[in-house]
């Protein structure tokens, strides 16, 4: 398993659709593999050899990212499981880590505390 990252908005929408279908009731705040990459506004995923820039079509929460002192990417799952979104958060916050597993070319979503 690896901390979760998203190739784009379609993959995030897939997670959102899955959460709706299973009536999600677990923790609502998760860390992802995302963080600032140097200058403010340059975000990337910490996976692969050099990481990868975040896709432009990701589902950020309204007004996010919004703070140059918050350098890590947080995944928010809304209480009713209606949607998901990303925000920037202080890296010292304590959240579970959402993980992504690729088994037989199927993506499974999981979380680890």
Protein backbone atom coordinates (compact mmCIF):
# COMPACT_ATOMS: atom_id res chain seq x y z
CA UNK A 1 0.00 0.00 0.00
CA UNK A 2 1.04 3.57 -0.64
CA UNK A 3 -0.33 6.89 0.64
CA UNK A 4 -3.12 7.84 -1.72
CA UNK A 5 -2.56 10.05 -4.75
CA UNK A 6 -4.84 10.86 -7.65
CA UNK A 7 -3.93 10.93 -11.33
CA UNK A 8 -6.73 13.41 -11.89
CA UNK A 9 -10.27 14.51 -11.14
CA UNK A 10 -11.82 11.39 -12.69
CA UNK A 11 -9.97 9.18 -10.22
CA UNK A 12 -11.11 11.39 -7.32
CA UNK A 13 -14.67 11.20 -8.62
CA UNK A 14 -14.33 7.41 -8.69
CA UNK A 15 -13.41 7.46 -4.99
CA UNK A 16 -16.34 9.77 -4.26
CA UNK A 17 -18.72 7.42 -6.11
CA UNK A 18 -17.33 4.43 -4.19
CA UNK A 19 -17.80 6.19 -0.85
CA UNK A 20 -21.44 6.93 -1.73
CA UNK A 21 -22.06 3.29 -2.71
CA UNK A 22 -20.72 1.82 0.57
CA UNK A 23 -22.34 4.33 2.95
CA UNK A 24 -18.95 5.48 4.33
CA UNK A 25 -18.88 5.93 8.13
CA UNK A 26 -15.14 5.87 8.89
CA UNK A 27 -12.81 8.73 9.78
CA UNK A 28 -13.45 11.80 7.64
CA UNK A 29 -9.93 13.30 7.51
CA UNK A 30 -6.97 11.65 5.81
CA UNK A 31 -3.44 12.44 4.75
CA UNK A 32 -2.51 11.91 1.12
CA UNK A 33 0.88 11.63 -0.60
CA UNK A 34 0.69 15.32 -1.57
CA UNK A 35 2.82 18.20 -0.34
CA UNK A 36 4.27 21.52 -1.41
CA UNK A 37 7.18 21.15 -3.77
CA UNK A 38 9.36 24.20 -3.17
CA UNK A 39 7.54 27.47 -3.82
CA UNK A 40 4.02 28.23 -2.61
CA UNK A 41 1.44 26.93 -5.06
CA UNK A 42 3.66 24.18 -6.44
CA UNK A 43 2.07 20.94 -5.24
CA UNK A 44 3.18 17.40 -6.00
CA UNK A 45 2.70 13.77 -5.09
CA UNK A 46 5.49 12.07 -3.14
CA UNK A 47 5.52 8.84 -5.13
CA UNK A 48 7.70 7.49 -7.91
CA UNK A 49 11.28 8.54 -8.44
CA UNK A 50 10.71 12.30 -8.65
CA UNK A 51 7.07 12.56 -7.65
CA UNK A 52 4.53 14.16 -9.96
CA UNK A 53 2.75 17.48 -10.08
CA UNK A 54 -0.89 17.49 -9.00
CA UNK A 55 -3.31 17.46 -11.93
CA UNK A 56 -5.17 20.70 -12.60
CA UNK A 57 -8.60 19.03 -12.43
CA UNK A 58 -8.36 17.68 -8.87
CA UNK A 59 -11.32 18.34 -6.59
CA UNK A 60 -10.01 20.97 -4.16
CA UNK A 61 -12.43 22.25 -1.53
CA UNK A 62 -13.64 25.82 -2.17
CA UNK A 63 -10.88 28.37 -1.54
CA UNK A 64 -8.17 25.72 -1.20
CA UNK A 65 -5.21 25.70 -1.09
CA UNK A 66 -5.20 28.86 0.97
CA UNK A 67 -2.25 29.07 3.37
CA UNK A 68 1.49 29.13 2.69
CA UNK A 69 2.12 27.66 6.18
CA UNK A 70 0.10 24.52 5.36
CA UNK A 71 2.34 22.34 3.22
CA UNK A 72 0.59 18.95 3.18
CA UNK A 73 -2.44 17.79 1.19
CA UNK A 74 -5.42 16.57 3.22
CA UNK A 75 -8.36 14.52 1.89
CA UNK A 76 -11.75 15.40 3.37
CA UNK A 77 -14.66 12.98 3.11
CA UNK A 78 -17.93 14.66 3.97
CA UNK A 79 -19.99 13.19 6.82
CA UNK A 80 -22.83 11.99 4.63
CA UNK A 81 -20.37 10.51 2.12
CA UNK A 82 -21.70 12.85 -0.55
CA UNK A 83 -18.31 13.96 -1.83
CA UNK A 84 -14.60 14.31 -1.26
CA UNK A 85 -12.18 17.21 -1.60
CA UNK A 86 -8.61 18.27 -0.98
CA UNK A 87 -7.25 21.04 1.20
CA UNK A 88 -3.87 22.19 2.41
CA UNK A 89 -3.18 21.53 6.08
CA UNK A 90 -0.39 21.94 8.58
CA UNK A 91 1.82 18.85 8.25
CA UNK A 92 1.91 18.36 12.03
CA UNK A 93 -1.86 17.71 12.20
CA UNK A 94 -2.75 14.17 13.21
CA UNK A 95 -4.87 12.32 10.64
CA UNK A 96 -5.12 8.76 9.41
CA UNK A 97 -3.28 8.03 6.16
CA UNK A 98 -5.47 7.05 3.21
CA UNK A 99 -3.77 4.32 1.19
CA UNK A 100 -4.12 3.14 -2.37
CA UNK A 101 -3.56 -0.44 -3.49
CA UNK A 102 -3.41 -1.63 -7.10
CA UNK A 103 -4.40 -5.30 -7.25
CA UNK A 104 -4.98 -6.95 -10.63
CA UNK A 105 -5.38 -3.49 -12.19
CA UNK A 106 -8.30 -2.71 -9.89
CA UNK A 107 -8.00 0.17 -7.48
CA UNK A 108 -9.03 -0.59 -3.91
CA UNK A 109 -9.47 2.23 -1.42
CA UNK A 110 -8.42 1.71 2.17
CA UNK A 111 -7.34 3.68 5.17
CA UNK A 112 -4.75 2.99 7.82
CA UNK A 113 -4.71 4.63 11.27
